Amino acid sequence: MSAQRNFSRARPALLALATTLGVVSMALPAAARVVVGFGFGVPVVPAPWYYAPPPVVYAPPPVVYSPPPVVVAPPPQPAYVSQPSPNWYYCDDPKGYYPYVATCNRAWREVPAQPSAPPR
């Protein structure tokens, strides 16, 4: 009986406390409440929204090496070597052969070439 008596005395205090908590809890915004829970099972959200998409990586363009152009050179032209003249030129004024005498006061005379003496 003593427990019932203690409860009846505390009843108005408990009622006042419950009312105060109810008024305070109704005055707080919904964002201030904390809910702790555990969930087990399969997510309801589809995979594209659940995981980030893979990164997009582009490969560099391929490097193409072309062979150097083929250059075909024309064949070399034959070199023409002037043959020594079979004639020598002699001047009477001043006396001497060309090219030892650069100028001649008269006309140059053509003289058949004479080979030099063979060395001994």
N, C-alpha and C. Protein backbone atom coordinates (compact mmCIF):
# COMPACT_ATOMS: atom_id res chain seq x y z
N MET A 1 0.81 -1.18 0.00
CA MET A 1 0.00 0.00 0.00
C MET A 1 0.86 1.24 0.00
N SER A 2 1.96 1.10 0.56
CA SER A 2 2.79 2.27 0.62
C SER A 2 3.26 2.67 -0.77
N ALA A 3 3.43 1.70 -1.67
CA ALA A 3 3.85 2.02 -3.03
C ALA A 3 2.72 2.73 -3.76
N GLN A 4 1.49 2.30 -3.49
CA GLN A 4 0.37 2.95 -4.14
C GLN A 4 0.21 4.36 -3.61
N ARG A 5 0.45 4.56 -2.34
CA ARG A 5 0.33 5.88 -1.77
C ARG A 5 1.41 6.79 -2.35
N ASN A 6 2.63 6.30 -2.47
CA ASN A 6 3.71 7.10 -3.04
C ASN A 6 3.41 7.47 -4.50
N PHE A 7 2.81 6.53 -5.23
CA PHE A 7 2.45 6.81 -6.63
C PHE A 7 1.38 7.87 -6.71
N SER A 8 0.37 7.82 -5.78
CA SER A 8 -0.68 8.81 -5.81
C SER A 8 -0.16 10.19 -5.45
N ARG A 9 0.84 10.26 -4.61
CA ARG A 9 1.40 11.57 -4.31
C ARG A 9 2.24 12.07 -5.50
N ALA A 10 2.92 11.20 -6.17
CA ALA A 10 3.80 11.61 -7.28
C ALA A 10 3.02 11.78 -8.57
N ARG A 11 1.77 11.33 -8.58
CA ARG A 11 0.98 11.40 -9.80
C ARG A 11 0.85 12.80 -10.35
N PRO A 12 0.49 13.81 -9.57
CA PRO A 12 0.38 15.14 -10.14
C PRO A 12 1.73 15.66 -10.66
N ALA A 13 2.82 15.30 -10.00
CA ALA A 13 4.15 15.75 -10.45
C ALA A 13 4.51 15.06 -11.78
N LEU A 14 4.22 13.76 -11.88
CA LEU A 14 4.50 13.03 -13.12
C LEU A 14 3.63 13.55 -14.26
N LEU A 15 2.39 13.87 -13.96
CA LEU A 15 1.49 14.41 -14.99
C LEU A 15 1.98 15.76 -15.47
N ALA A 16 2.46 16.57 -14.54
CA ALA A 16 2.98 17.88 -14.92
C ALA A 16 4.26 17.72 -15.76
N LEU A 17 5.10 16.76 -15.38
CA LEU A 17 6.33 16.51 -16.14
C LEU A 17 6.01 15.99 -17.54
N ALA A 18 5.08 15.08 -17.69
CA ALA A 18 4.70 14.53 -18.99
C ALA A 18 4.09 15.61 -19.87
N THR A 19 3.30 16.48 -19.28
CA THR A 19 2.69 17.57 -20.04
C THR A 19 3.76 18.53 -20.52
N THR A 20 4.68 18.85 -19.65
CA THR A 20 5.76 19.75 -20.03
C THR A 20 6.58 19.15 -21.16
N LEU A 21 6.92 17.88 -21.06
CA LEU A 21 7.70 17.22 -22.12
C LEU A 21 6.91 17.16 -23.43
N GLY A 22 5.64 16.95 -23.34
CA GLY A 22 4.81 16.91 -24.54
C GLY A 22 4.74 18.25 -25.22
N VAL A 23 4.61 19.31 -24.44
CA VAL A 23 4.57 20.66 -25.00
C VAL A 23 5.92 21.01 -25.60
N VAL A 24 6.99 20.65 -24.89
CA VAL A 24 8.33 20.96 -25.39
C VAL A 24 8.61 20.17 -26.66
N SER A 25 8.22 18.90 -26.69
CA SER A 25 8.49 18.09 -27.88
C SER A 25 7.67 18.57 -29.07
N MET A 26 6.49 19.12 -28.85
CA MET A 26 5.72 19.65 -29.97
C MET A 26 6.27 20.98 -30.43
N ALA A 27 6.99 21.69 -29.58
CA ALA A 27 7.56 22.97 -29.98
C ALA A 27 8.85 22.80 -30.77
N LEU A 28 9.56 21.68 -30.61
CA LEU A 28 10.81 21.46 -31.34
C LEU A 28 10.51 21.11 -32.80
N PRO A 29 11.37 21.56 -33.73
CA PRO A 29 11.15 21.19 -35.14
C PRO A 29 11.47 19.71 -35.35
N ALA A 30 10.99 19.18 -36.42
CA ALA A 30 11.16 17.76 -36.71
C ALA A 30 12.62 17.42 -36.98
N ALA A 31 13.43 18.36 -37.44
CA ALA A 31 14.82 18.10 -37.75
C ALA A 31 15.66 17.88 -36.51
N ALA A 32 15.15 18.24 -35.35
CA ALA A 32 15.94 18.11 -34.13
C ALA A 32 15.83 16.71 -33.55
N ARG A 33 15.00 15.87 -34.09
CA ARG A 33 14.85 14.53 -33.55
C ARG A 33 15.93 13.63 -34.12
N VAL A 34 16.36 12.71 -33.31
CA VAL A 34 17.39 11.77 -33.72
C VAL A 34 16.77 10.39 -33.74
N VAL A 35 16.94 9.69 -34.87
CA VAL A 35 16.41 8.35 -35.00
C VAL A 35 17.58 7.44 -35.31
N VAL A 36 17.76 6.41 -34.53
CA VAL A 36 18.82 5.44 -34.74
C VAL A 36 18.15 4.13 -35.10
N GLY A 37 18.61 3.53 -36.22
CA GLY A 37 18.00 2.27 -36.62
C GLY A 37 18.98 1.46 -37.44
N PHE A 38 18.68 0.21 -37.64
CA PHE A 38 19.50 -0.69 -38.44
C PHE A 38 18.61 -1.28 -39.52
N GLY A 39 19.17 -1.38 -40.73
CA GLY A 39 18.39 -1.96 -41.82
C GLY A 39 19.16 -3.09 -42.46
N PHE A 40 18.48 -4.15 -42.80
CA PHE A 40 19.11 -5.28 -43.47
C PHE A 40 18.29 -5.61 -44.70
N GLY A 41 18.97 -5.96 -45.78
CA GLY A 41 18.24 -6.36 -46.98
C GLY A 41 18.86 -5.75 -48.22
N VAL A 42 18.12 -5.78 -49.29
CA VAL A 42 18.57 -5.30 -50.60
C VAL A 42 18.16 -3.84 -50.74
N PRO A 43 19.10 -2.98 -51.22
CA PRO A 43 18.68 -1.58 -51.42
C PRO A 43 17.61 -1.48 -52.50
N VAL A 44 16.70 -0.56 -52.31
CA VAL A 44 15.60 -0.38 -53.25
C VAL A 44 16.03 0.51 -54.40
N VAL A 45 17.11 1.27 -54.22
CA VAL A 45 17.57 2.22 -55.24
C VAL A 45 18.30 1.45 -56.35
N PRO A 46 18.00 1.72 -57.63
CA PRO A 46 18.72 1.03 -58.73
C PRO A 46 20.20 1.40 -58.75
N ALA A 47 21.01 0.59 -59.39
CA ALA A 47 22.46 0.73 -59.40
C ALA A 47 22.95 2.06 -59.97
N PRO A 48 22.42 2.60 -61.06
CA PRO A 48 22.99 3.86 -61.57
C PRO A 48 22.92 5.00 -60.57
N TRP A 49 21.93 5.02 -59.69
CA TRP A 49 21.88 6.08 -58.70
C TRP A 49 22.65 5.70 -57.44
N TYR A 50 22.91 4.41 -57.29
CA TYR A 50 23.58 3.96 -56.08
C TYR A 50 25.09 4.09 -56.21
N TYR A 51 25.66 3.80 -57.41
CA TYR A 51 27.10 3.89 -57.64
C TYR A 51 27.41 5.03 -58.61
N ALA A 52 28.61 5.59 -58.47
CA ALA A 52 29.04 6.63 -59.40
C ALA A 52 29.41 5.97 -60.73
N PRO A 53 29.17 6.65 -61.85
CA PRO A 53 29.54 6.05 -63.14
C PRO A 53 31.06 5.98 -63.28
N PRO A 54 31.54 5.04 -64.06
CA PRO A 54 33.01 4.93 -64.23
C PRO A 54 33.56 6.15 -64.97
N PRO A 55 34.80 6.52 -64.70
CA PRO A 55 35.37 7.69 -65.40
C PRO A 55 35.56 7.39 -66.88
N VAL A 56 35.46 8.43 -67.69
CA VAL A 56 35.64 8.29 -69.13
C VAL A 56 37.08 8.66 -69.45
N VAL A 57 37.80 7.72 -70.05
CA VAL A 57 39.20 7.94 -70.40
C VAL A 57 39.34 7.73 -71.89
N TYR A 58 39.87 8.72 -72.58
CA TYR A 58 40.06 8.63 -74.02
C TYR A 58 41.52 8.29 -74.30
N ALA A 59 41.73 7.37 -75.20
CA ALA A 59 43.10 7.01 -75.60
C ALA A 59 43.63 8.09 -76.54
N PRO A 60 44.94 8.35 -76.51
CA PRO A 60 45.49 9.34 -77.44
C PRO A 60 45.39 8.81 -78.88
N PRO A 61 45.37 9.70 -79.84
CA PRO A 61 45.27 9.24 -81.24
C PRO A 61 46.52 8.45 -81.61
N PRO A 62 46.38 7.48 -82.49
CA PRO A 62 47.55 6.68 -82.87
C PRO A 62 48.56 7.51 -83.65
N VAL A 63 49.82 7.22 -83.45
CA VAL A 63 50.89 7.92 -84.16
C VAL A 63 51.21 7.11 -85.41
N VAL A 64 51.11 7.75 -86.55
CA VAL A 64 51.36 7.07 -87.82
C VAL A 64 52.63 7.63 -88.42
N TYR A 65 53.60 6.77 -88.63
CA TYR A 65 54.86 7.18 -89.25
C TYR A 65 54.82 6.77 -90.71
N SER A 66 54.99 7.73 -91.60
CA SER A 66 55.03 7.40 -93.01
C SER A 66 56.49 7.35 -93.45
N PRO A 67 56.80 6.46 -94.38
CA PRO A 67 58.19 6.38 -94.83
C PRO A 67 58.57 7.66 -95.57
N PRO A 68 59.84 8.00 -95.57
CA PRO A 68 60.24 9.22 -96.29
C PRO A 68 60.00 9.04 -97.79
N PRO A 69 59.73 10.12 -98.49
CA PRO A 69 59.47 10.00 -99.92
C PRO A 69 60.70 9.50 -100.67
N VAL A 70 60.44 8.72 -101.68
CA VAL A 70 61.53 8.17 -102.50
C VAL A 70 61.91 9.21 -103.55
N VAL A 71 63.16 9.60 -103.54
CA VAL A 71 63.65 10.58 -104.51
C VAL A 71 64.54 9.85 -105.50
N VAL A 72 64.17 9.93 -106.76
CA VAL A 72 64.96 9.30 -107.80
C VAL A 72 65.69 10.41 -108.55
N ALA A 73 67.00 10.40 -108.41
CA ALA A 73 67.81 11.41 -109.07
C ALA A 73 68.06 10.97 -110.51
N PRO A 74 68.06 11.92 -111.43
CA PRO A 74 68.36 11.54 -112.82
C PRO A 74 69.82 11.08 -112.91
N PRO A 75 70.09 10.21 -113.86
CA PRO A 75 71.48 9.75 -113.98
C PRO A 75 72.40 10.92 -114.32
N PRO A 76 73.62 10.87 -113.84
CA PRO A 76 74.52 12.00 -114.10
C PRO A 76 74.83 12.09 -115.59
N GLN A 77 74.92 13.31 -116.04
CA GLN A 77 75.25 13.54 -117.45
C GLN A 77 76.73 13.26 -117.67
N PRO A 78 77.05 12.71 -118.78
CA PRO A 78 78.48 12.45 -119.03
C PRO A 78 79.25 13.77 -119.13
N ALA A 79 80.39 13.78 -118.52
CA ALA A 79 81.22 14.98 -118.54
C ALA A 79 82.07 14.96 -119.80
N TYR A 80 81.99 16.04 -120.54
CA TYR A 80 82.78 16.16 -121.76
C TYR A 80 84.06 16.92 -121.44
N VAL A 81 85.15 16.29 -121.72
CA VAL A 81 86.45 16.90 -121.49
C VAL A 81 86.97 17.33 -122.86
N SER A 82 87.31 18.60 -122.91
CA SER A 82 87.83 19.08 -124.21
C SER A 82 89.19 18.45 -124.46
N GLN A 83 89.34 17.99 -125.63
CA GLN A 83 90.60 17.39 -126.03
C GLN A 83 91.61 18.48 -126.32
N PRO A 84 92.83 18.23 -125.95
CA PRO A 84 93.83 19.26 -126.26
C PRO A 84 93.93 19.44 -127.78
N SER A 85 94.11 20.65 -128.13
CA SER A 85 94.18 20.99 -129.57
C SER A 85 95.44 20.35 -130.18
N PRO A 86 95.30 19.75 -131.34
CA PRO A 86 96.48 19.16 -131.98
C PRO A 86 97.41 20.22 -132.56
N ASN A 87 97.01 21.48 -132.46
CA ASN A 87 97.83 22.56 -133.01
C ASN A 87 98.27 23.50 -131.91
N TRP A 88 99.45 24.08 -132.15
CA TRP A 88 99.94 25.13 -131.28
C TRP A 88 99.84 26.44 -132.05
N TYR A 89 99.88 27.54 -131.31
CA TYR A 89 99.78 28.86 -131.95
C TYR A 89 101.10 29.60 -131.70
N TYR A 90 101.67 30.12 -132.82
CA TYR A 90 102.95 30.81 -132.76
C TYR A 90 102.75 32.23 -133.22
N CYS A 91 103.51 33.14 -132.58
CA CYS A 91 103.44 34.56 -132.95
C CYS A 91 104.83 34.99 -133.43
N ASP A 92 104.85 35.74 -134.54
CA ASP A 92 106.14 36.22 -135.08
C ASP A 92 106.56 37.53 -134.42
N ASP A 93 105.64 38.35 -133.93
CA ASP A 93 105.99 39.64 -133.33
C ASP A 93 105.24 39.79 -132.02
N PRO A 94 105.76 39.63 -130.93
CA PRO A 94 107.05 39.10 -130.47
C PRO A 94 107.08 37.59 -130.69
N LYS A 95 108.24 37.01 -130.82
CA LYS A 95 108.37 35.60 -131.14
C LYS A 95 108.06 34.77 -129.88
N GLY A 96 107.18 33.75 -130.05
CA GLY A 96 106.87 32.84 -128.95
C GLY A 96 105.56 32.10 -129.18
N TYR A 97 105.36 31.06 -128.40
CA TYR A 97 104.14 30.24 -128.47
C TYR A 97 103.13 30.71 -127.41
N TYR A 98 101.86 30.51 -127.78
CA TYR A 98 100.77 30.77 -126.82
C TYR A 98 100.78 29.64 -125.80
N PRO A 99 100.67 29.83 -124.57
CA PRO A 99 100.26 30.93 -123.71
C PRO A 99 101.41 31.73 -123.15
N TYR A 100 102.67 31.42 -123.62
CA TYR A 100 103.81 32.17 -123.08
C TYR A 100 103.79 33.60 -123.57
N VAL A 101 103.25 33.81 -124.76
CA VAL A 101 103.08 35.16 -125.30
C VAL A 101 101.59 35.43 -125.25
N ALA A 102 101.16 36.45 -124.46
CA ALA A 102 99.74 36.70 -124.26
C ALA A 102 99.12 37.44 -125.44
N THR A 103 99.84 38.36 -126.04
CA THR A 103 99.28 39.14 -127.16
C THR A 103 100.24 39.07 -128.32
N CYS A 104 99.64 39.15 -129.48
CA CYS A 104 100.44 39.09 -130.70
C CYS A 104 100.10 40.32 -131.55
N ASN A 105 101.14 41.02 -132.08
CA ASN A 105 100.89 42.21 -132.91
C ASN A 105 100.45 41.81 -134.32
N ARG A 106 100.76 40.65 -134.75
CA ARG A 106 100.32 40.14 -136.04
C ARG A 106 99.35 39.00 -135.78
N ALA A 107 98.95 38.29 -136.80
CA ALA A 107 98.04 37.16 -136.66
C ALA A 107 98.79 35.95 -136.11
N TRP A 108 98.10 35.13 -135.34
CA TRP A 108 98.68 33.90 -134.82
C TRP A 108 98.78 32.87 -135.95
N ARG A 109 99.86 32.08 -135.93
CA ARG A 109 100.02 31.02 -136.92
C ARG A 109 99.76 29.69 -136.24
N GLU A 110 99.04 28.81 -136.92
CA GLU A 110 98.83 27.46 -136.39
C GLU A 110 100.00 26.61 -136.82
N VAL A 111 100.59 25.95 -135.85
CA VAL A 111 101.75 25.09 -136.09
C VAL A 111 101.37 23.70 -135.56
N PRO A 112 101.68 22.62 -136.31
CA PRO A 112 101.36 21.30 -135.77
C PRO A 112 102.09 21.07 -134.45
N ALA A 113 101.38 20.44 -133.54
CA ALA A 113 101.95 20.20 -132.21
C ALA A 113 103.11 19.24 -132.30
N GLN A 114 104.17 19.52 -131.56
CA GLN A 114 105.36 18.67 -131.53
C GLN A 114 105.49 18.11 -130.15
N PRO A 115 105.51 16.81 -130.04
CA PRO A 115 105.64 16.25 -128.70
C PRO A 115 107.02 16.55 -128.13
N SER A 116 107.06 16.66 -126.83
CA SER A 116 108.33 16.95 -126.19
C SER A 116 109.20 15.70 -126.25
N ALA A 117 110.50 15.89 -126.11
CA ALA A 117 111.43 14.79 -126.17
C ALA A 117 111.24 13.90 -124.94
N PRO A 118 111.33 12.60 -125.11
CA PRO A 118 111.17 11.74 -123.95
C PRO A 118 112.31 11.93 -122.96
N PRO A 119 112.04 11.83 -121.69
CA PRO A 119 113.09 12.04 -120.68
C PRO A 119 114.12 10.91 -120.73
N ARG A 120 115.39 11.24 -120.45
CA ARG A 120 116.45 10.23 -120.48
C ARG A 120 116.75 9.70 -119.12
